[in-house]
Full PDB file with SEQRES, HELIX, SHEET, SSBOND, CRYST1, ORIGX, SCALE, CONECT and MASTER records, all heavy atoms in Angstrom:
SEQRES   1 A   33  ASP GLN GLY SER ALA VAL GLY VAL GLY VAL LEU GLN GLN          
SEQRES   2 A   33  VAL ASN GLY THR ALA ARG GLN ILE HIS GLY ALA ASP VAL          
SEQRES   3 A   33  ALA VAL VAL LEU THR ASN GLY                                  
HELIX    1 AA1 VAL A    8  THR A   17  1                                  10    
CRYST1    1.000    1.000    1.000  90.00  90.00  90.00 P 1           1          
ORIGX1      1.000000  0.000000  0.000000        0.00000                         
ORIGX2      0.000000  1.000000  0.000000        0.00000                         
ORIGX3      0.000000  0.000000  1.000000        0.00000                         
SCALE1      1.000000  0.000000  0.000000        0.00000                         
SCALE2      0.000000  1.000000  0.000000        0.00000                         
SCALE3      0.000000  0.000000  1.000000        0.00000                         
ATOM      1  N   ASP A   1       4.908 -23.784 -14.612  1.00  0.00           N  
ATOM      2  CA  ASP A   1       5.200 -24.956 -13.766  1.00  0.00           C  
ATOM      3  C   ASP A   1       5.717 -26.174 -14.414  1.00  0.00           C  
ATOM      4  O   ASP A   1       6.155 -27.120 -13.845  1.00  0.00           O  
ATOM      5  CB  ASP A   1       4.018 -25.302 -12.851  1.00  0.00           C  
ATOM      6  CG  ASP A   1       2.764 -25.670 -13.624  1.00  0.00           C  
ATOM      7  OD1 ASP A   1       2.814 -25.603 -14.887  1.00  0.00           O  
ATOM      8  OD2 ASP A   1       1.792 -26.004 -12.893  1.00  0.00           O  
ATOM      9  N   GLN A   2       5.705 -26.121 -15.768  1.00  0.00           N  
ATOM     10  CA  GLN A   2       6.291 -27.291 -16.561  1.00  0.00           C  
ATOM     11  C   GLN A   2       7.763 -26.995 -16.838  1.00  0.00           C  
ATOM     12  O   GLN A   2       8.438 -27.927 -17.232  1.00  0.00           O  
ATOM     13  CB  GLN A   2       5.627 -27.373 -17.909  1.00  0.00           C  
ATOM     14  CG  GLN A   2       4.081 -27.696 -17.786  1.00  0.00           C  
ATOM     15  CD  GLN A   2       3.802 -28.945 -16.987  1.00  0.00           C  
ATOM     16  OE1 GLN A   2       4.440 -29.978 -17.339  1.00  0.00           O  
ATOM     17  NE2 GLN A   2       3.013 -28.837 -16.067  1.00  0.00           N  
ATOM     18  N   GLY A   3       8.263 -25.767 -16.622  1.00  0.00           N  
ATOM     19  CA  GLY A   3       9.723 -25.460 -16.808  1.00  0.00           C  
ATOM     20  C   GLY A   3      10.576 -25.741 -15.598  1.00  0.00           C  
ATOM     21  O   GLY A   3      10.173 -26.489 -14.649  1.00  0.00           O  
ATOM     22  N   SER A   4      11.746 -25.178 -15.632  1.00  0.00           N  
ATOM     23  CA  SER A   4      12.637 -25.473 -14.582  1.00  0.00           C  
ATOM     24  C   SER A   4      12.193 -24.804 -13.185  1.00  0.00           C  
ATOM     25  O   SER A   4      11.570 -23.761 -13.191  1.00  0.00           O  
ATOM     26  CB  SER A   4      14.043 -24.958 -14.917  1.00  0.00           C  
ATOM     27  OG  SER A   4      13.988 -23.612 -15.024  1.00  0.00           O  
ATOM     28  N   ALA A   5      12.436 -25.562 -12.110  1.00  0.00           N  
ATOM     29  CA  ALA A   5      12.042 -25.044 -10.841  1.00  0.00           C  
ATOM     30  C   ALA A   5      12.971 -23.998 -10.335  1.00  0.00           C  
ATOM     31  O   ALA A   5      14.142 -23.975 -10.570  1.00  0.00           O  
ATOM     32  CB  ALA A   5      11.939 -26.259  -9.820  1.00  0.00           C  
ATOM     33  N   VAL A   6      12.417 -23.112  -9.476  1.00  0.00           N  
ATOM     34  CA  VAL A   6      13.329 -22.159  -8.754  1.00  0.00           C  
ATOM     35  C   VAL A   6      14.004 -22.960  -7.655  1.00  0.00           C  
ATOM     36  O   VAL A   6      13.314 -23.628  -6.837  1.00  0.00           O  
ATOM     37  CB  VAL A   6      12.469 -21.055  -8.131  1.00  0.00           C  
ATOM     38  CG1 VAL A   6      13.333 -20.106  -7.406  1.00  0.00           C  
ATOM     39  CG2 VAL A   6      11.736 -20.268  -9.323  1.00  0.00           C  
ATOM     40  N   GLY A   7      15.302 -22.821  -7.614  1.00  0.00           N  
ATOM     41  CA  GLY A   7      16.065 -23.692  -6.655  1.00  0.00           C  
ATOM     42  C   GLY A   7      16.682 -22.949  -5.468  1.00  0.00           C  
ATOM     43  O   GLY A   7      16.403 -21.757  -5.282  1.00  0.00           O  
ATOM     44  N   VAL A   8      17.420 -23.675  -4.705  1.00  0.00           N  
ATOM     45  CA  VAL A   8      17.981 -23.115  -3.486  1.00  0.00           C  
ATOM     46  C   VAL A   8      18.961 -21.960  -3.812  1.00  0.00           C  
ATOM     47  O   VAL A   8      18.955 -21.040  -3.037  1.00  0.00           O  
ATOM     48  CB  VAL A   8      18.759 -24.244  -2.702  1.00  0.00           C  
ATOM     49  CG1 VAL A   8      19.499 -23.722  -1.534  1.00  0.00           C  
ATOM     50  CG2 VAL A   8      17.672 -25.299  -2.229  1.00  0.00           C  
ATOM     51  N   GLY A   9      19.621 -21.980  -4.933  1.00  0.00           N  
ATOM     52  CA  GLY A   9      20.567 -20.924  -5.229  1.00  0.00           C  
ATOM     53  C   GLY A   9      19.944 -19.593  -5.234  1.00  0.00           C  
ATOM     54  O   GLY A   9      20.463 -18.521  -4.807  1.00  0.00           O  
ATOM     55  N   VAL A  10      18.655 -19.432  -5.795  1.00  0.00           N  
ATOM     56  CA  VAL A  10      17.927 -18.167  -5.827  1.00  0.00           C  
ATOM     57  C   VAL A  10      17.651 -17.820  -4.358  1.00  0.00           C  
ATOM     58  O   VAL A  10      17.778 -16.572  -4.005  1.00  0.00           O  
ATOM     59  CB  VAL A  10      16.715 -18.281  -6.620  1.00  0.00           C  
ATOM     60  CG1 VAL A  10      15.801 -17.084  -6.476  1.00  0.00           C  
ATOM     61  CG2 VAL A  10      16.981 -18.447  -8.139  1.00  0.00           C  
ATOM     62  N   LEU A  11      17.198 -18.718  -3.578  1.00  0.00           N  
ATOM     63  CA  LEU A  11      16.870 -18.397  -2.142  1.00  0.00           C  
ATOM     64  C   LEU A  11      18.077 -17.957  -1.359  1.00  0.00           C  
ATOM     65  O   LEU A  11      17.968 -17.027  -0.599  1.00  0.00           O  
ATOM     66  CB  LEU A  11      16.184 -19.615  -1.549  1.00  0.00           C  
ATOM     67  CG  LEU A  11      14.953 -20.153  -2.227  1.00  0.00           C  
ATOM     68  CD1 LEU A  11      14.292 -21.224  -1.360  1.00  0.00           C  
ATOM     69  CD2 LEU A  11      13.930 -19.061  -2.518  1.00  0.00           C  
ATOM     70  N   GLN A  12      19.236 -18.579  -1.679  1.00  0.00           N  
ATOM     71  CA  GLN A  12      20.443 -18.176  -1.015  1.00  0.00           C  
ATOM     72  C   GLN A  12      20.799 -16.693  -1.341  1.00  0.00           C  
ATOM     73  O   GLN A  12      21.204 -15.912  -0.522  1.00  0.00           O  
ATOM     74  CB  GLN A  12      21.628 -19.009  -1.380  1.00  0.00           C  
ATOM     75  CG  GLN A  12      21.457 -20.433  -0.752  1.00  0.00           C  
ATOM     76  CD  GLN A  12      22.459 -21.459  -1.247  1.00  0.00           C  
ATOM     77  OE1 GLN A  12      22.976 -21.363  -2.350  1.00  0.00           O  
ATOM     78  NE2 GLN A  12      22.802 -22.442  -0.428  1.00  0.00           N  
ATOM     79  N   GLN A  13      20.568 -16.290  -2.624  1.00  0.00           N  
ATOM     80  CA  GLN A  13      20.836 -14.916  -3.023  1.00  0.00           C  
ATOM     81  C   GLN A  13      19.944 -13.998  -2.287  1.00  0.00           C  
ATOM     82  O   GLN A  13      20.391 -12.999  -1.813  1.00  0.00           O  
ATOM     83  CB  GLN A  13      20.696 -14.760  -4.519  1.00  0.00           C  
ATOM     84  CG  GLN A  13      21.788 -15.471  -5.348  1.00  0.00           C  
ATOM     85  CD  GLN A  13      21.434 -15.407  -6.793  1.00  0.00           C  
ATOM     86  OE1 GLN A  13      20.308 -15.000  -7.237  1.00  0.00           O  
ATOM     87  NE2 GLN A  13      22.410 -15.845  -7.595  1.00  0.00           N  
ATOM     88  N   VAL A  14      18.667 -14.272  -2.277  1.00  0.00           N  
ATOM     89  CA  VAL A  14      17.728 -13.494  -1.510  1.00  0.00           C  
ATOM     90  C   VAL A  14      18.039 -13.394  -0.055  1.00  0.00           C  
ATOM     91  O   VAL A  14      17.974 -12.332   0.559  1.00  0.00           O  
ATOM     92  CB  VAL A  14      16.254 -14.006  -1.730  1.00  0.00           C  
ATOM     93  CG1 VAL A  14      15.265 -13.369  -0.764  1.00  0.00           C  
ATOM     94  CG2 VAL A  14      15.842 -13.748  -3.193  1.00  0.00           C  
ATOM     95  N   ASN A  15      18.320 -14.562   0.516  1.00  0.00           N  
ATOM     96  CA  ASN A  15      18.713 -14.616   1.979  1.00  0.00           C  
ATOM     97  C   ASN A  15      19.886 -13.666   2.250  1.00  0.00           C  
ATOM     98  O   ASN A  15      19.974 -13.097   3.376  1.00  0.00           O  
ATOM     99  CB  ASN A  15      18.940 -16.024   2.400  1.00  0.00           C  
ATOM    100  CG  ASN A  15      19.006 -16.208   3.844  1.00  0.00           C  
ATOM    101  OD1 ASN A  15      18.136 -15.682   4.619  1.00  0.00           O  
ATOM    102  ND2 ASN A  15      20.063 -16.870   4.357  1.00  0.00           N  
ATOM    103  N   GLY A  16      20.856 -13.641   1.382  1.00  0.00           N  
ATOM    104  CA  GLY A  16      22.053 -12.863   1.584  1.00  0.00           C  
ATOM    105  C   GLY A  16      21.847 -11.373   1.338  1.00  0.00           C  
ATOM    106  O   GLY A  16      22.766 -10.605   1.737  1.00  0.00           O  
ATOM    107  N   THR A  17      20.766 -10.910   0.730  1.00  0.00           N  
ATOM    108  CA  THR A  17      20.658  -9.530   0.427  1.00  0.00           C  
ATOM    109  C   THR A  17      19.365  -8.869   0.985  1.00  0.00           C  
ATOM    110  O   THR A  17      19.412  -7.733   1.278  1.00  0.00           O  
ATOM    111  CB  THR A  17      20.639  -9.313  -1.026  1.00  0.00           C  
ATOM    112  OG1 THR A  17      19.552 -10.006  -1.676  1.00  0.00           O  
ATOM    113  CG2 THR A  17      21.924  -9.683  -1.760  1.00  0.00           C  
ATOM    114  N   ALA A  18      18.301  -9.591   1.051  1.00  0.00           N  
ATOM    115  CA  ALA A  18      16.995  -8.974   1.454  1.00  0.00           C  
ATOM    116  C   ALA A  18      17.068  -8.256   2.856  1.00  0.00           C  
ATOM    117  O   ALA A  18      16.722  -7.090   2.954  1.00  0.00           O  
ATOM    118  CB  ALA A  18      15.868 -10.028   1.479  1.00  0.00           C  
ATOM    119  N   ARG A  19      17.598  -8.904   3.835  1.00  0.00           N  
ATOM    120  CA  ARG A  19      17.653  -8.332   5.173  1.00  0.00           C  
ATOM    121  C   ARG A  19      18.938  -7.567   5.323  1.00  0.00           C  
ATOM    122  O   ARG A  19      18.853  -6.429   5.837  1.00  0.00           O  
ATOM    123  CB  ARG A  19      17.497  -9.427   6.191  1.00  0.00           C  
ATOM    124  CG  ARG A  19      16.177 -10.104   6.175  1.00  0.00           C  
ATOM    125  CD  ARG A  19      16.123 -11.298   7.167  1.00  0.00           C  
ATOM    126  NE  ARG A  19      14.849 -11.987   7.070  1.00  0.00           N  
ATOM    127  CZ  ARG A  19      14.776 -13.092   6.200  1.00  0.00           C  
ATOM    128  NH1 ARG A  19      15.693 -13.580   5.514  1.00  0.00           N  
ATOM    129  NH2 ARG A  19      13.584 -13.696   6.136  1.00  0.00           N  
ATOM    130  N   GLN A  20      20.018  -8.107   4.999  1.00  0.00           N  
ATOM    131  CA  GLN A  20      21.295  -7.460   5.208  1.00  0.00           C  
ATOM    132  C   GLN A  20      21.534  -6.150   4.375  1.00  0.00           C  
ATOM    133  O   GLN A  20      21.973  -5.182   4.816  1.00  0.00           O  
ATOM    134  CB  GLN A  20      22.481  -8.382   4.984  1.00  0.00           C  
ATOM    135  CG  GLN A  20      22.537  -9.605   5.836  1.00  0.00           C  
ATOM    136  CD  GLN A  20      21.686 -10.791   5.491  1.00  0.00           C  
ATOM    137  OE1 GLN A  20      20.775 -10.603   4.596  1.00  0.00           O  
ATOM    138  NE2 GLN A  20      21.954 -11.917   5.926  1.00  0.00           N  
ATOM    139  N   ILE A  21      21.248  -6.210   3.090  1.00  0.00           N  
ATOM    140  CA  ILE A  21      21.439  -5.069   2.145  1.00  0.00           C  
ATOM    141  C   ILE A  21      20.281  -4.157   2.109  1.00  0.00           C  
ATOM    142  O   ILE A  21      20.384  -2.960   2.144  1.00  0.00           O  
ATOM    143  CB  ILE A  21      21.778  -5.617   0.695  1.00  0.00           C  
ATOM    144  CG1 ILE A  21      23.034  -6.597   0.765  1.00  0.00           C  
ATOM    145  CG2 ILE A  21      22.048  -4.478  -0.178  1.00  0.00           C  
ATOM    146  CD1 ILE A  21      24.272  -5.928   1.207  1.00  0.00           C  
ATOM    147  N   HIS A  22      19.150  -4.728   1.989  1.00  0.00           N  
ATOM    148  CA  HIS A  22      17.863  -3.892   1.818  1.00  0.00           C  
ATOM    149  C   HIS A  22      17.127  -3.637   3.095  1.00  0.00           C  
ATOM    150  O   HIS A  22      16.156  -2.809   3.053  1.00  0.00           O  
ATOM    151  CB  HIS A  22      16.940  -4.648   0.834  1.00  0.00           C  
ATOM    152  CG  HIS A  22      17.542  -4.791  -0.579  1.00  0.00           C  
ATOM    153  ND1 HIS A  22      17.911  -3.796  -1.413  1.00  0.00           N  
ATOM    154  CD2 HIS A  22      17.958  -5.885  -1.174  1.00  0.00           C  
ATOM    155  CE1 HIS A  22      18.506  -4.286  -2.501  1.00  0.00           C  
ATOM    156  NE2 HIS A  22      18.538  -5.581  -2.367  1.00  0.00           N  
ATOM    157  N   GLY A  23      17.512  -4.238   4.220  1.00  0.00           N  
ATOM    158  CA  GLY A  23      16.888  -3.967   5.447  1.00  0.00           C  
ATOM    159  C   GLY A  23      15.433  -4.464   5.572  1.00  0.00           C  
ATOM    160  O   GLY A  23      14.621  -3.976   6.333  1.00  0.00           O  
ATOM    161  N   ALA A  24      15.155  -5.526   4.815  1.00  0.00           N  
ATOM    162  CA  ALA A  24      13.770  -6.090   4.790  1.00  0.00           C  
ATOM    163  C   ALA A  24      13.455  -6.804   6.125  1.00  0.00           C  
ATOM    164  O   ALA A  24      14.363  -7.533   6.682  1.00  0.00           O  
ATOM    165  CB  ALA A  24      13.576  -7.019   3.634  1.00  0.00           C  
ATOM    166  N   ASP A  25      12.271  -6.767   6.574  1.00  0.00           N  
ATOM    167  CA  ASP A  25      11.786  -7.574   7.644  1.00  0.00           C  
ATOM    168  C   ASP A  25      11.216  -8.892   7.156  1.00  0.00           C  
ATOM    169  O   ASP A  25      11.200  -9.876   7.928  1.00  0.00           O  
ATOM    170  CB  ASP A  25      10.700  -6.762   8.384  1.00  0.00           C  
ATOM    171  CG  ASP A  25      11.153  -5.516   8.974  1.00  0.00           C  
ATOM    172  OD1 ASP A  25      12.152  -5.493   9.736  1.00  0.00           O  
ATOM    173  OD2 ASP A  25      10.615  -4.488   8.609  1.00  0.00           O  
ATOM    174  N   VAL A  26      10.717  -8.917   5.898  1.00  0.00           N  
ATOM    175  CA  VAL A  26      10.093 -10.016   5.300  1.00  0.00           C  
ATOM    176  C   VAL A  26      10.697 -10.249   3.983  1.00  0.00           C  
ATOM    177  O   VAL A  26      10.714  -9.280   3.123  1.00  0.00           O  
ATOM    178  CB  VAL A  26       8.532  -9.720   5.213  1.00  0.00           C  
ATOM    179  CG1 VAL A  26       7.875 -11.009   4.500  1.00  0.00           C  
ATOM    180  CG2 VAL A  26       7.852  -9.541   6.596  1.00  0.00           C  
ATOM    181  N   ALA A  27      11.087 -11.442   3.652  1.00  0.00           N  
ATOM    182  CA  ALA A  27      11.616 -11.805   2.291  1.00  0.00           C  
ATOM    183  C   ALA A  27      10.625 -12.760   1.608  1.00  0.00           C  
ATOM    184  O   ALA A  27      10.156 -13.701   2.184  1.00  0.00           O  
ATOM    185  CB  ALA A  27      12.902 -12.455   2.379  1.00  0.00           C  
ATOM    186  N   VAL A  28      10.349 -12.427   0.277  1.00  0.00           N  
ATOM    187  CA  VAL A  28       9.440 -13.272  -0.423  1.00  0.00           C  
ATOM    188  C   VAL A  28       9.977 -13.563  -1.815  1.00  0.00           C  
ATOM    189  O   VAL A  28      10.593 -12.647  -2.479  1.00  0.00           O  
ATOM    190  CB  VAL A  28       8.030 -12.530  -0.680  1.00  0.00           C  
ATOM    191  CG1 VAL A  28       7.061 -13.357  -1.567  1.00  0.00           C  
ATOM    192  CG2 VAL A  28       7.422 -12.116   0.611  1.00  0.00           C  
ATOM    193  N   VAL A  29       9.979 -14.782  -2.297  1.00  0.00           N  
ATOM    194  CA  VAL A  29      10.273 -15.139  -3.630  1.00  0.00           C  
ATOM    195  C   VAL A  29       9.098 -15.594  -4.351  1.00  0.00           C  
ATOM    196  O   VAL A  29       8.313 -16.489  -3.821  1.00  0.00           O  
ATOM    197  CB  VAL A  29      11.440 -16.233  -3.706  1.00  0.00           C  
ATOM    198  CG1 VAL A  29      11.688 -16.636  -5.114  1.00  0.00           C  
ATOM    199  CG2 VAL A  29      12.686 -15.781  -3.008  1.00  0.00           C  
ATOM    200  N   LEU A  30       8.835 -14.974  -5.482  1.00  0.00           N  
ATOM    201  CA  LEU A  30       7.491 -15.215  -6.192  1.00  0.00           C  
ATOM    202  C   LEU A  30       7.816 -15.735  -7.568  1.00  0.00           C  
ATOM    203  O   LEU A  30       8.766 -15.298  -8.206  1.00  0.00           O  
ATOM    204  CB  LEU A  30       6.796 -13.923  -6.331  1.00  0.00           C  
ATOM    205  CG  LEU A  30       5.416 -13.899  -6.954  1.00  0.00           C  
ATOM    206  CD1 LEU A  30       4.521 -12.806  -6.238  1.00  0.00           C  
ATOM    207  CD2 LEU A  30       5.534 -13.505  -8.404  1.00  0.00           C  
ATOM    208  N   THR A  31       7.162 -16.768  -8.070  1.00  0.00           N  
ATOM    209  CA  THR A  31       7.330 -17.277  -9.349  1.00  0.00           C  
ATOM    210  C   THR A  31       6.097 -17.708 -10.102  1.00  0.00           C  
ATOM    211  O   THR A  31       5.120 -18.069  -9.360  1.00  0.00           O  
ATOM    212  CB  THR A  31       8.391 -18.524  -9.343  1.00  0.00           C  
ATOM    213  OG1 THR A  31       8.595 -19.014 -10.680  1.00  0.00           O  
ATOM    214  CG2 THR A  31       7.806 -19.612  -8.561  1.00  0.00           C  
ATOM    215  N   ASN A  32       6.092 -17.688 -11.418  1.00  0.00           N  
ATOM    216  CA  ASN A  32       4.961 -18.165 -12.176  1.00  0.00           C  
ATOM    217  C   ASN A  32       5.111 -19.662 -12.383  1.00  0.00           C  
ATOM    218  O   ASN A  32       4.266 -20.249 -13.070  1.00  0.00           O  
ATOM    219  CB  ASN A  32       4.767 -17.415 -13.463  1.00  0.00           C  
ATOM    220  CG  ASN A  32       5.877 -17.810 -14.430  1.00  0.00           C  
ATOM    221  OD1 ASN A  32       7.052 -17.907 -14.058  1.00  0.00           O  
ATOM    222  ND2 ASN A  32       5.586 -17.821 -15.664  1.00  0.00           N  
ATOM    223  N   GLY A  33       6.159 -20.210 -11.784  1.00  0.00           N  
ATOM    224  CA  GLY A  33       6.346 -21.639 -11.883  1.00  0.00           C  
ATOM    225  C   GLY A  33       6.323 -22.443 -10.553  1.00  0.00           C  
ATOM    226  O   GLY A  33       5.282 -22.207  -9.850  1.00  0.00           O  
TER     227      GLY A  33                                                      
MASTER        0    0    0    1    0    0    0    6  226    1    0    3          
END                                                                             
């Protein structure tokens, strides 16, 4: 958590692939930061 934060860009990538490409019902982004 002292390092760089996970930003919107990562979430946009997940948003564009989790449901549309992978057919997910639930999308989760997990970080040790």
